PDB file of N, CA and C in Angstrom:
ATOM      1  N   MET A   1      30.905  -2.555 -21.358  1.00  0.00           N
ATOM      2  CA  MET A   1      31.048  -1.481 -20.608  1.00  0.00           C
ATOM      3  C   MET A   1      32.010  -0.452 -21.012  1.00  0.00           C
ATOM      4  N   LYS A   2      33.007  -0.739 -21.546  1.00  0.00           N
ATOM      5  CA  LYS A   2      33.996   0.151 -22.059  1.00  0.00           C
ATOM      6  C   LYS A   2      33.276   1.120 -23.215  1.00  0.00           C
ATOM      7  N   GLU A   3      32.760   0.268 -24.145  1.00  0.00           N
ATOM      8  CA  GLU A   3      32.365   0.610 -25.369  1.00  0.00           C
ATOM      9  C   GLU A   3      31.149   1.815 -24.939  1.00  0.00           C
ATOM     10  N   LEU A   4      30.505   1.734 -23.988  1.00  0.00           N
ATOM     11  CA  LEU A   4      29.083   2.407 -23.457  1.00  0.00           C
ATOM     12  C   LEU A   4      29.617   3.467 -22.514  1.00  0.00           C
ATOM     13  N   GLY A   5      30.909   3.762 -22.174  1.00  0.00           N
ATOM     14  CA  GLY A   5      31.518   4.588 -21.375  1.00  0.00           C
ATOM     15  C   GLY A   5      31.067   4.489 -20.068  1.00  0.00           C
ATOM     16  N   TYR A   6      30.984   3.463 -19.355  1.00  0.00           N
ATOM     17  CA  TYR A   6      30.694   3.265 -17.957  1.00  0.00           C
ATOM     18  C   TYR A   6      31.916   3.709 -17.146  1.00  0.00           C
ATOM     19  N   VAL A   7      31.776   4.094 -16.034  1.00  0.00           N
ATOM     20  CA  VAL A   7      32.945   4.114 -14.936  1.00  0.00           C
ATOM     21  C   VAL A   7      33.325   2.672 -14.564  1.00  0.00           C
ATOM     22  N   GLN A   8      34.587   2.705 -14.680  1.00  0.00           N
ATOM     23  CA  GLN A   8      35.020   1.274 -14.141  1.00  0.00           C
ATOM     24  C   GLN A   8      35.998   1.543 -13.127  1.00  0.00           C
ATOM     25  N   ASP A   9      36.062   0.558 -12.131  1.00  0.00           N
ATOM     26  CA  ASP A   9      36.933   0.710 -10.974  1.00  0.00           C
ATOM     27  C   ASP A   9      36.452   1.889 -10.129  1.00  0.00           C
ATOM     28  N   LEU A  10      35.078   1.837  -9.837  1.00  0.00           N
ATOM     29  CA  LEU A  10      34.633   3.001  -9.233  1.00  0.00           C
ATOM     30  C   LEU A  10      35.164   3.300  -7.806  1.00  0.00           C
ATOM     31  N   GLU A  11      35.372   2.270  -7.072  1.00  0.00           N
ATOM     32  CA  GLU A  11      36.216   2.489  -5.736  1.00  0.00           C
ATOM     33  C   GLU A  11      37.495   3.198  -5.757  1.00  0.00           C
ATOM     34  N   ALA A  12      38.255   3.073  -6.920  1.00  0.00           N
ATOM     35  CA  ALA A  12      39.452   3.662  -6.984  1.00  0.00           C
ATOM     36  C   ALA A  12      39.312   5.113  -7.373  1.00  0.00           C
ATOM     37  N   HIS A  13      38.228   5.584  -8.182  1.00  0.00           N
ATOM     38  CA  HIS A  13      37.936   6.885  -8.343  1.00  0.00           C
ATOM     39  C   HIS A  13      37.369   7.528  -7.293  1.00  0.00           C
ATOM     40  N   ILE A  14      36.612   6.994  -6.374  1.00  0.00           N
ATOM     41  CA  ILE A  14      36.273   7.512  -5.222  1.00  0.00           C
ATOM     42  C   ILE A  14      37.185   7.928  -4.297  1.00  0.00           C
ATOM     43  N   GLU A  15      38.067   7.060  -4.135  1.00  0.00           N
ATOM     44  CA  GLU A  15      39.313   7.184  -2.981  1.00  0.00           C
ATOM     45  C   GLU A  15      40.376   8.289  -3.735  1.00  0.00           C
ATOM     46  N   CYS A  16      40.277   8.282  -5.092  1.00  0.00           N
ATOM     47  CA  CYS A  16      41.343   9.325  -5.631  1.00  0.00           C
ATOM     48  C   CYS A  16      40.706  10.878  -5.348  1.00  0.00           C
ATOM     49  N   LEU A  17      39.484  10.839  -5.345  1.00  0.00           N
ATOM     50  CA  LEU A  17      38.694  12.062  -5.221  1.00  0.00           C
ATOM     51  C   LEU A  17      38.419  12.473  -3.760  1.00  0.00           C
ATOM     52  N   GLY A  18      39.137  11.685  -2.842  1.00  0.00           N
ATOM     53  CA  GLY A  18      39.202  12.117  -1.399  1.00  0.00           C
ATOM     54  C   GLY A  18      37.954  11.275  -0.628  1.00  0.00           C
ATOM     55  N   GLY A  19      37.200  10.427  -1.356  1.00  0.00           N
ATOM     56  CA  GLY A  19      35.980   9.627  -0.578  1.00  0.00           C
ATOM     57  C   GLY A  19      36.547   8.445   0.018  1.00  0.00           C
ATOM     58  N   THR A  20      35.537   8.054   0.978  1.00  0.00           N
ATOM     59  CA  THR A  20      36.016   6.639   1.662  1.00  0.00           C
ATOM     60  C   THR A  20      34.840   5.685   1.258  1.00  0.00           C
ATOM     61  N   VAL A  21      34.883   4.566   0.548  1.00  0.00           N
ATOM     62  CA  VAL A  21      33.857   3.585   0.437  1.00  0.00           C
ATOM     63  C   VAL A  21      33.754   2.870   1.820  1.00  0.00           C
ATOM     64  N   GLU A  22      32.495   2.998   2.358  1.00  0.00           N
ATOM     65  CA  GLU A  22      32.395   2.333   3.663  1.00  0.00           C
ATOM     66  C   GLU A  22      31.587   1.072   3.290  1.00  0.00           C
ATOM     67  N   GLY A  23      31.119   0.705   2.155  1.00  0.00           N
ATOM     68  CA  GLY A  23      30.578  -0.421   2.026  1.00  0.00           C
ATOM     69  C   GLY A  23      29.875  -0.650   0.529  1.00  0.00           C
ATOM     70  N   VAL A  24      29.524  -1.895  -0.003  1.00  0.00           N
ATOM     71  CA  VAL A  24      29.041  -1.983  -1.252  1.00  0.00           C
ATOM     72  C   VAL A  24      27.937  -3.187  -0.938  1.00  0.00           C
ATOM     73  N   VAL A  25      26.771  -2.748  -1.448  1.00  0.00           N
ATOM     74  CA  VAL A  25      25.686  -3.528  -1.081  1.00  0.00           C
ATOM     75  C   VAL A  25      24.981  -3.946  -2.580  1.00  0.00           C
ATOM     76  N   GLU A  26      24.858  -5.252  -2.615  1.00  0.00           N
ATOM     77  CA  GLU A  26      24.342  -5.862  -4.058  1.00  0.00           C
ATOM     78  C   GLU A  26      22.587  -5.427  -4.060  1.00  0.00           C
ATOM     79  N   ILE A  27      22.132  -4.964  -5.057  1.00  0.00           N
ATOM     80  CA  ILE A  27      20.971  -4.746  -5.273  1.00  0.00           C
ATOM     81  C   ILE A  27      20.246  -5.985  -5.729  1.00  0.00           C
ATOM     82  N   THR A  28      19.345  -6.925  -5.031  1.00  0.00           N
ATOM     83  CA  THR A  28      18.905  -7.953  -5.617  1.00  0.00           C
ATOM     84  C   THR A  28      17.572  -7.895  -6.291  1.00  0.00           C
ATOM     85  N   SER A  29      16.846  -7.050  -6.114  1.00  0.00           N
ATOM     86  CA  SER A  29      15.760  -6.640  -6.783  1.00  0.00           C
ATOM     87  C   SER A  29      15.900  -6.003  -8.126  1.00  0.00           C
ATOM     88  N   LYS A  30      16.510  -6.514  -9.064  1.00  0.00           N
ATOM     89  CA  LYS A  30      16.607  -5.933 -10.296  1.00  0.00           C
ATOM     90  C   LYS A  30      15.923  -6.566 -11.573  1.00  0.00           C
ATOM     91  N   ILE A  31      15.635  -5.950 -12.549  1.00  0.00           N
ATOM     92  CA  ILE A  31      14.837  -6.358 -13.540  1.00  0.00           C
ATOM     93  C   ILE A  31      15.733  -7.346 -14.573  1.00  0.00           C
ATOM     94  N   ASN A  32      16.871  -7.039 -14.670  1.00  0.00           N
ATOM     95  CA  ASN A  32      17.731  -7.872 -15.700  1.00  0.00           C
ATOM     96  C   ASN A  32      18.782  -8.575 -14.772  1.00  0.00           C
ATOM     97  N   PRO A  33      18.742  -9.831 -14.715  1.00  0.00           N
ATOM     98  CA  PRO A  33      19.621 -10.774 -13.899  1.00  0.00           C
ATOM     99  C   PRO A  33      21.124 -10.808 -14.413  1.00  0.00           C
ATOM    100  N   LEU A  34      21.255 -10.253 -15.851  1.00  0.00           N
ATOM    101  CA  LEU A  34      22.580 -10.076 -16.405  1.00  0.00           C
ATOM    102  C   LEU A  34      23.185  -8.746 -16.262  1.00  0.00           C
ATOM    103  N   ASN A  35      22.535  -7.761 -15.452  1.00  0.00           N
ATOM    104  CA  ASN A  35      22.987  -6.680 -15.086  1.00  0.00           C
ATOM    105  C   ASN A  35      23.137  -6.609 -13.614  1.00  0.00           C
ATOM    106  N   PRO A  36      24.349  -6.923 -13.069  1.00  0.00           N
ATOM    107  CA  PRO A  36      24.506  -6.791 -11.723  1.00  0.00           C
ATOM    108  C   PRO A  36      24.662  -5.287 -11.252  1.00  0.00           C
ATOM    109  N   THR A  37      23.763  -4.832 -10.025  1.00  0.00           N
ATOM    110  CA  THR A  37      23.522  -3.656  -9.534  1.00  0.00           C
ATOM    111  C   THR A  37      24.140  -3.417  -8.232  1.00  0.00           C
ATOM    112  N   TYR A  38      24.662  -2.574  -7.826  1.00  0.00           N
ATOM    113  CA  TYR A  38      25.410  -2.355  -6.471  1.00  0.00           C
ATOM    114  C   TYR A  38      25.104  -1.029  -6.048  1.00  0.00           C
ATOM    115  N   ALA A  39      24.743  -0.705  -4.682  1.00  0.00           N
ATOM    116  CA  ALA A  39      24.777   0.495  -4.048  1.00  0.00           C
ATOM    117  C   ALA A  39      25.943   0.722  -3.266  1.00  0.00           C
ATOM    118  N   TYR A  40      26.825   1.830  -3.447  1.00  0.00           N
ATOM    119  CA  TYR A  40      28.024   2.184  -2.758  1.00  0.00           C
ATOM    120  C   TYR A  40      27.815   3.146  -1.646  1.00  0.00           C
ATOM    121  N   ILE A  41      28.272   2.821  -0.580  1.00  0.00           N
ATOM    122  CA  ILE A  41      27.906   3.704   0.893  1.00  0.00           C
ATOM    123  C   ILE A  41      29.283   4.447   0.737  1.00  0.00           C
ATOM    124  N   ILE A  42      29.215   5.810   0.700  1.00  0.00           N
ATOM    125  CA  ILE A  42      30.368   6.538   0.663  1.00  0.00           C
ATOM    126  C   ILE A  42      30.234   7.585   1.598  1.00  0.00           C
ATOM    127  N   THR A  43      31.617   7.877   2.200  1.00  0.00           N
ATOM    128  CA  THR A  43      31.719   9.072   3.168  1.00  0.00           C
ATOM    129  C   THR A  43      32.439  10.029   2.162  1.00  0.00           C
ATOM    130  N   PRO A  44      31.828  11.355   1.903  1.00  0.00           N
ATOM    131  CA  PRO A  44      32.417  12.212   1.042  1.00  0.00           C
ATOM    132  C   PRO A  44      33.718  12.747   1.731  1.00  0.00           C
ATOM    133  N   PRO A  45      34.571  13.644   0.976  1.00  0.00           N
ATOM    134  CA  PRO A  45      35.732  13.993   1.450  1.00  0.00           C
ATOM    135  C   PRO A  45      35.187  15.446   2.260  1.00  0.00           C
ATOM    136  N   MET A  46      35.894  15.709   3.245  1.00  0.00           N
ATOM    137  CA  MET A  46      35.522  16.893   3.838  1.00  0.00           C
ATOM    138  C   MET A  46      36.140  18.071   3.299  1.00  0.00           C
ATOM    139  N   LEU A  47      35.218  19.249   3.189  1.00  0.00           N
ATOM    140  CA  LEU A  47      35.752  20.497   2.800  1.00  0.00           C
ATOM    141  C   LEU A  47      36.965  20.932   3.598  1.00  0.00           C
ATOM    142  N   LYS A  48      38.067  21.363   2.699  1.00  0.00           N
ATOM    143  CA  LYS A  48      39.378  21.729   3.691  1.00  0.00           C
ATOM    144  C   LYS A  48      39.142  23.189   3.433  1.00  0.00           C
ATOM    145  N   ASN A  49      39.489  23.735   4.776  1.00  0.00           N
ATOM    146  CA  ASN A  49      39.721  25.196   4.713  1.00  0.00           C
ATOM    147  C   ASN A  49      38.695  26.066   4.242  1.00  0.00           C
ATOM    148  N   ILE A  50      37.573  25.451   4.217  1.00  0.00           N
ATOM    149  CA  ILE A  50      36.220  26.033   3.637  1.00  0.00           C
ATOM    150  C   ILE A  50      35.059  26.096   4.613  1.00  0.00           C
ATOM    151  N   GLU A  51      34.497  27.143   5.094  1.00  0.00           N
ATOM    152  CA  GLU A  51      33.492  27.204   5.920  1.00  0.00           C
ATOM    153  C   GLU A  51      32.387  27.662   5.139  1.00  0.00           C
ATOM    154  N   ILE A  52      31.175  26.887   4.925  1.00  0.00           N
ATOM    155  CA  ILE A  52      30.092  27.442   4.156  1.00  0.00           C
ATOM    156  C   ILE A  52      29.498  28.617   4.690  1.00  0.00           C
ATOM    157  N   ALA A  53      29.428  28.924   6.000  1.00  0.00           N
ATOM    158  CA  ALA A  53      28.799  30.131   6.545  1.00  0.00           C
ATOM    159  C   ALA A  53      29.478  31.217   6.143  1.00  0.00           C
ATOM    160  N   SER A  54      31.041  31.166   6.112  1.00  0.00           N
ATOM    161  CA  SER A  54      31.662  32.353   5.907  1.00  0.00           C
ATOM    162  C   SER A  54      31.777  32.538   4.210  1.00  0.00           C
ATOM    163  N   ALA A  55      31.369  31.608   3.314  1.00  0.00           N
ATOM    164  CA  ALA A  55      31.379  31.705   2.036  1.00  0.00           C
ATOM    165  C   ALA A  55      30.601  33.049   1.468  1.00  0.00           C
ATOM    166  N   MET A  56      29.547  33.319   2.216  1.00  0.00           N
ATOM    167  CA  MET A  56      28.670  34.447   1.857  1.00  0.00           C
ATOM    168  C   MET A  56      29.418  35.849   2.140  1.00  0.00           C
ATOM    169  N   ASP A  57      30.660  35.901   2.793  1.00  0.00           N
ATOM    170  CA  ASP A  57      31.404  37.035   3.220  1.00  0.00           C
ATOM    171  C   ASP A  57      32.349  37.283   1.877  1.00  0.00           C
ATOM    172  N   ASP A  58      32.440  36.479   0.874  1.00  0.00           N
ATOM    173  CA  ASP A  58      33.272  36.664  -0.234  1.00  0.00           C
ATOM    174  C   ASP A  58      32.657  37.803  -0.984  1.00  0.00           C
ATOM    175  N   VAL A  59      33.706  38.117  -1.808  1.00  0.00           N
ATOM    176  CA  VAL A  59      33.388  39.305  -2.596  1.00  0.00           C
ATOM    177  C   VAL A  59      32.962  38.612  -4.019  1.00  0.00           C
ATOM    178  N   TYR A  60      31.683  38.963  -4.528  1.00  0.00           N
ATOM    179  CA  TYR A  60      31.173  38.407  -5.825  1.00  0.00           C
ATOM    180  C   TYR A  60      31.193  39.434  -6.797  1.00  0.00           C
ATOM    181  N   ALA A  61      31.274  38.830  -8.151  1.00  0.00           N
ATOM    182  CA  ALA A  61      31.431  39.845  -9.321  1.00  0.00           C
ATOM    183  C   ALA A  61      30.300  39.507 -10.176  1.00  0.00           C
ATOM    184  N   CYS A  62      29.976  40.525 -10.970  1.00  0.00           N
ATOM    185  CA  CYS A  62      28.699  40.487 -11.809  1.00  0.00           C
ATOM    186  C   CYS A  62      29.197  39.557 -12.994  1.00  0.00           C
ATOM    187  N   PRO A  63      28.469  38.417 -13.352  1.00  0.00           N
ATOM    188  CA  PRO A  63      28.756  37.666 -14.529  1.00  0.00           C
ATOM    189  C   PRO A  63      28.817  38.293 -15.675  1.00  0.00           C
ATOM    190  N   ASN A  64      27.984  39.400 -15.895  1.00  0.00           N
ATOM    191  CA  ASN A  64      28.053  40.022 -17.310  1.00  0.00           C
ATOM    192  C   ASN A  64      29.027  40.970 -17.424  1.00  0.00           C
ATOM    193  N   THR A  65      29.385  41.693 -16.275  1.00  0.00           N
ATOM    194  CA  THR A  65      30.432  42.907 -16.337  1.00  0.00           C
ATOM    195  C   THR A  65      31.863  42.610 -15.692  1.00  0.00           C
ATOM    196  N   GLY A  66      31.577  41.928 -14.559  1.00  0.00           N
ATOM    197  CA  GLY A  66      32.993  41.661 -13.800  1.00  0.00           C
ATOM    198  C   GLY A  66      33.045  42.626 -12.550  1.00  0.00           C
ATOM    199  N   ALA A  67      32.073  43.488 -12.653  1.00  0.00           N
ATOM    200  CA  ALA A  67      32.176  44.386 -11.423  1.00  0.00           C
ATOM    201  C   ALA A  67      31.596  43.927 -10.273  1.00  0.00           C
ATOM    202  N   PRO A  68      32.236  44.389  -9.033  1.00  0.00           N
ATOM    203  CA  PRO A  68      31.745  43.961  -8.016  1.00  0.00           C
ATOM    204  C   PRO A  68      30.243  43.958  -7.458  1.00  0.00           C
ATOM    205  N   LEU A  69      29.663  43.062  -6.912  1.00  0.00           N
ATOM    206  CA  LEU A  69      28.297  42.906  -6.573  1.00  0.00           C
ATOM    207  C   LEU A  69      28.092  43.271  -5.033  1.00  0.00           C
ATOM    208  N   VAL A  70      27.004  44.098  -4.664  1.00  0.00           N
ATOM    209  CA  VAL A  70      26.923  44.403  -3.269  1.00  0.00           C
ATOM    210  C   VAL A  70      25.514  43.681  -3.008  1.00  0.00           C
ATOM    211  N   GLN A  71      25.614  43.003  -1.519  1.00  0.00           N
ATOM    212  CA  GLN A  71      24.456  42.261  -1.171  1.00  0.00           C
ATOM    213  C   GLN A  71      23.507  42.937  -0.494  1.00  0.00           C
ATOM    214  N   HIS A  72      22.247  42.916  -0.985  1.00  0.00           N
ATOM    215  CA  HIS A  72      21.160  43.508  -0.164  1.00  0.00           C
ATOM    216  C   HIS A  72      20.450  42.497   0.931  1.00  0.00           C
ATOM    217  N   GLU A  73      19.878  43.180   1.925  1.00  0.00           N
ATOM    218  CA  GLU A  73      19.485  42.417   3.172  1.00  0.00           C
ATOM    219  C   GLU A  73      18.107  41.609   2.563  1.00  0.00           C
ATOM    220  N   LEU A  74      17.538  41.970   1.302  1.00  0.00           N
ATOM    221  CA  LEU A  74      16.440  41.194   0.993  1.00  0.00           C
ATOM    222  C   LEU A  74      16.853  40.109   0.061  1.00  0.00           C
ATOM    223  N   ASP A  75      17.995  39.479   0.194  1.00  0.00           N
ATOM    224  CA  ASP A  75      18.591  38.481  -0.488  1.00  0.00           C
ATOM    225  C   ASP A  75      18.609  38.418  -2.195  1.00  0.00           C
ATOM    226  N   PHE A  76      19.404  39.597  -2.308  1.00  0.00           N
ATOM    227  CA  PHE A  76      19.960  39.575  -3.776  1.00  0.00           C
ATOM    228  C   PHE A  76      21.273  40.425  -3.826  1.00  0.00           C
ATOM    229  N   PHE A  77      21.929  40.093  -5.085  1.00  0.00           N
ATOM    230  CA  PHE A  77      23.130  40.803  -5.174  1.00  0.00           C
ATOM    231  C   PHE A  77      22.690  41.870  -6.147  1.00  0.00           C
ATOM    232  N   TYR A  78      23.493  43.050  -6.293  1.00  0.00           N
ATOM    233  CA  TYR A  78      23.114  44.135  -7.237  1.00  0.00           C
ATOM    234  C   TYR A  78      24.471  44.784  -7.868  1.00  0.00           C
ATOM    235  N   SER A  79      24.634  44.766  -9.104  1.00  0.00           N
ATOM    236  CA  SER A  79      25.654  45.568  -9.557  1.00  0.00           C
ATOM    237  C   SER A  79      25.354  46.997  -9.887  1.00  0.00           C
ATOM    238  N   GLU A  80      25.959  48.198  -9.374  1.00  0.00           N
ATOM    239  CA  GLU A  80      25.712  49.428  -9.781  1.00  0.00           C
ATOM    240  C   GLU A  80      26.163  49.564 -11.094  1.00  0.00           C
ATOM    241  N   GLU A  81      27.166  49.076 -11.610  1.00  0.00           N
ATOM    242  CA  GLU A  81      27.507  49.177 -13.103  1.00  0.00           C
ATOM    243  C   GLU A  81      26.598  48.890 -14.063  1.00  0.00           C
ATOM    244  N   SER A  82      26.013  47.526 -13.839  1.00  0.00           N
ATOM    245  CA  SER A  82      25.229  47.046 -14.884  1.00  0.00           C
ATOM    246  C   SER A  82      23.782  47.208 -14.566  1.00  0.00           C
ATOM    247  N   LEU A  83      23.454  47.723 -13.375  1.00  0.00           N
ATOM    248  CA  LEU A  83      22.064  47.577 -12.847  1.00  0.00           C
ATOM    249  C   LEU A  83      21.262  46.527 -12.907  1.00  0.00           C
ATOM    250  N   LEU A  84      22.100  45.332 -12.753  1.00  0.00           N
ATOM    251  CA  LEU A  84      21.461  44.081 -12.827  1.00  0.00           C
ATOM    252  C   LEU A  84      21.517  43.526 -11.339  1.00  0.00           C
ATOM    253  N   ALA A  85      20.527  42.548 -11.025  1.00  0.00           N
ATOM    254  CA  ALA A  85      20.249  41.955  -9.679  1.00  0.00           C
ATOM    255  C   ALA A  85      20.400  40.486  -9.874  1.00  0.00           C
ATOM    256  N   TYR A  86      20.928  39.726  -8.874  1.00  0.00           N
ATOM    257  CA  TYR A  86      20.832  38.409  -9.045  1.00  0.00           C
ATOM    258  C   TYR A  86      20.357  37.859  -7.591  1.00  0.00           C
ATOM    259  N   PRO A  87      19.300  37.003  -7.756  1.00  0.00           N
ATOM    260  CA  PRO A  87      18.635  36.325  -6.482  1.00  0.00           C
ATOM    261  C   PRO A  87      19.616  35.520  -5.435  1.00  0.00           C
ATOM    262  N   ILE A  88      19.480  35.408  -4.243  1.00  0.00           N
ATOM    263  CA  ILE A  88      19.958  34.562  -3.389  1.00  0.00           C
ATOM    264  C   ILE A  88      18.876  33.575  -3.071  1.00  0.00           C
ATOM    265  N   ILE A  89      18.968  32.329  -3.174  1.00  0.00           N
ATOM    266  CA  ILE A  89      17.837  31.476  -2.968  1.00  0.00           C
ATOM    267  C   ILE A  89      18.480  30.373  -2.092  1.00  0.00           C
ATOM    268  N   SER A  90      17.895  30.353  -0.754  1.00  0.00           N
ATOM    269  CA  SER A  90      18.250  29.517   0.444  1.00  0.00           C
ATOM    270  C   SER A  90      19.999  29.443   0.621  1.00  0.00           C
ATOM    271  N   LYS A  91      20.462  30.663   0.741  1.00  0.00           N
ATOM    272  CA  LYS A  91      21.686  31.014   0.838  1.00  0.00           C
ATOM    273  C   LYS A  91      22.587  30.913  -0.319  1.00  0.00           C
ATOM    274  N   ILE A  92      22.216  30.536  -1.357  1.00  0.00           N
ATOM    275  CA  ILE A  92      22.902  30.302  -2.667  1.00  0.00           C
ATOM    276  C   ILE A  92      22.703  31.519  -3.649  1.00  0.00           C
ATOM    277  N   PRO A  93      23.725  32.065  -3.971  1.00  0.00           N
ATOM    278  CA  PRO A  93      23.755  33.155  -5.080  1.00  0.00           C
ATOM    279  C   PRO A  93      23.539  32.531  -6.348  1.00  0.00           C
ATOM    280  N   ILE A  94      22.575  32.928  -7.182  1.00  0.00           N
ATOM    281  CA  ILE A  94      22.407  32.471  -8.409  1.00  0.00           C
ATOM    282  C   ILE A  94      22.956  33.504  -9.347  1.00  0.00           C
ATOM    283  N   LEU A  95      24.246  33.421  -9.620  1.00  0.00           N
ATOM    284  CA  LEU A  95      24.979  34.262 -10.450  1.00  0.00           C
ATOM    285  C   LEU A  95      25.335  33.775 -11.863  1.00  0.00           C
ATOM    286  N   ARG A  96      24.037  33.613 -12.545  1.00  0.00           N
ATOM    287  CA  ARG A  96      24.112  33.043 -14.022  1.00  0.00           C
ATOM    288  C   ARG A  96      23.657  34.409 -14.912  1.00  0.00           C
ATOM    289  N   ALA A  97      24.520  34.821 -15.923  1.00  0.00           N
ATOM    290  CA  ALA A  97      24.402  35.859 -16.736  1.00  0.00           C
ATOM    291  C   ALA A  97      23.101  35.839 -17.363  1.00  0.00           C
ATOM    292  N   GLU A  98      22.342  34.702 -17.614  1.00  0.00           N
ATOM    293  CA  GLU A  98      21.239  34.794 -18.428  1.00  0.00           C
ATOM    294  C   GLU A  98      20.114  34.794 -17.369  1.00  0.00           C
ATOM    295  N   LEU A  99      20.152  34.908 -16.135  1.00  0.00           N
ATOM    296  CA  LEU A  99      19.162  34.956 -15.212  1.00  0.00           C
ATOM    297  C   LEU A  99      19.230  36.235 -14.348  1.00  0.00           C
ATOM    298  N   ALA A 100      20.087  37.220 -14.845  1.00  0.00           N
ATOM    299  CA  ALA A 100      20.081  38.531 -14.262  1.00  0.00           C
ATOM    300  C   ALA A 100      18.854  39.122 -14.274  1.00  0.00           C
ATOM    301  N   ILE A 101      18.364  40.068 -13.373  1.00  0.00           N
ATOM    302  CA  ILE A 101      17.092  40.886 -13.315  1.00  0.00           C
ATOM    303  C   ILE A 101      17.344  42.294 -13.395  1.00  0.00           C
ATOM    304  N   ILE A 102      16.960  43.000 -14.447  1.00  0.00           N
ATOM    305  CA  ILE A 102      16.977  44.373 -14.610  1.00  0.00           C
ATOM    306  C   ILE A 102      16.585  45.232 -13.327  1.00  0.00           C
ATOM    307  N   ALA A 103      17.320  45.784 -12.539  1.00  0.00           N
ATOM    308  CA  ALA A 103      16.898  46.406 -11.154  1.00  0.00           C
ATOM    309  C   ALA A 103      17.392  48.010 -11.228  1.00  0.00           C
ATOM    310  N   CYS A 104      17.117  48.951 -12.139  1.00  0.00           N
ATOM    311  CA  CYS A 104      17.707  50.047 -12.121  1.00  0.00           C
ATOM    312  C   CYS A 104      17.362  50.933 -11.132  1.00  0.00           C
ATOM    313  N   HIS A 105      16.445  50.655 -10.125  1.00  0.00           N
ATOM    314  CA  HIS A 105      16.197  51.393  -8.908  1.00  0.00           C
ATOM    315  C   HIS A 105      16.612  50.682  -7.681  1.00  0.00           C
ATOM    316  N   ALA A 106      17.206  49.518  -7.683  1.00  0.00           N
ATOM    317  CA  ALA A 106      17.607  48.873  -6.583  1.00  0.00           C
ATOM    318  C   ALA A 106      18.736  49.573  -5.767  1.00  0.00           C
ATOM    319  N   ASN A 107      19.482  50.510  -6.304  1.00  0.00           N
ATOM    320  CA  ASN A 107      20.582  51.140  -5.492  1.00  0.00           C
ATOM    321  C   ASN A 107      19.775  52.179  -4.542  1.00  0.00           C
ATOM    322  N   LYS A 108      18.642  52.414  -4.566  1.00  0.00           N
ATOM    323  CA  LYS A 108      18.016  53.109  -3.643  1.00  0.00           C
ATOM    324  C   LYS A 108      17.531  52.425  -2.329  1.00  0.00           C
ATOM    325  N   TYR A 109      17.963  51.193  -2.349  1.00  0.00           N
ATOM    326  CA  TYR A 109      17.506  50.238  -1.135  1.00  0.00           C
ATOM    327  C   TYR A 109      18.637  49.675  -0.593  1.00  0.00           C
ATOM    328  N   ILE A 110      19.746  49.863  -1.222  1.00  0.00           N
ATOM    329  CA  ILE A 110      21.087  49.305  -0.600  1.00  0.00           C
ATOM    330  C   ILE A 110      21.799  50.247   0.224  1.00  0.00           C
TER     331      ILE A 110
END
């Protein structure tokens, strides 16, 4: 296990990251009987002092220039400095430099 880089003492790692192990269930329908397999039932840590709904109120910066982005009601962010737009998909801003869209006329609609 050590040579292959498998995680050891998984329960300690989960608790160290703030999660809680609620249970461990052995998977009995496995192909290799020499490879014991388990499913961990975990309660993840709660986000502290972060409200996902208010995250969209934060100020975002263009990944290419660092300039502030302006949010458009049609679900994209726009940089007036770089003329680049970044989509928002399912309320998640896609702020990757390589996925920017050239939008030289977007400032007319903001």
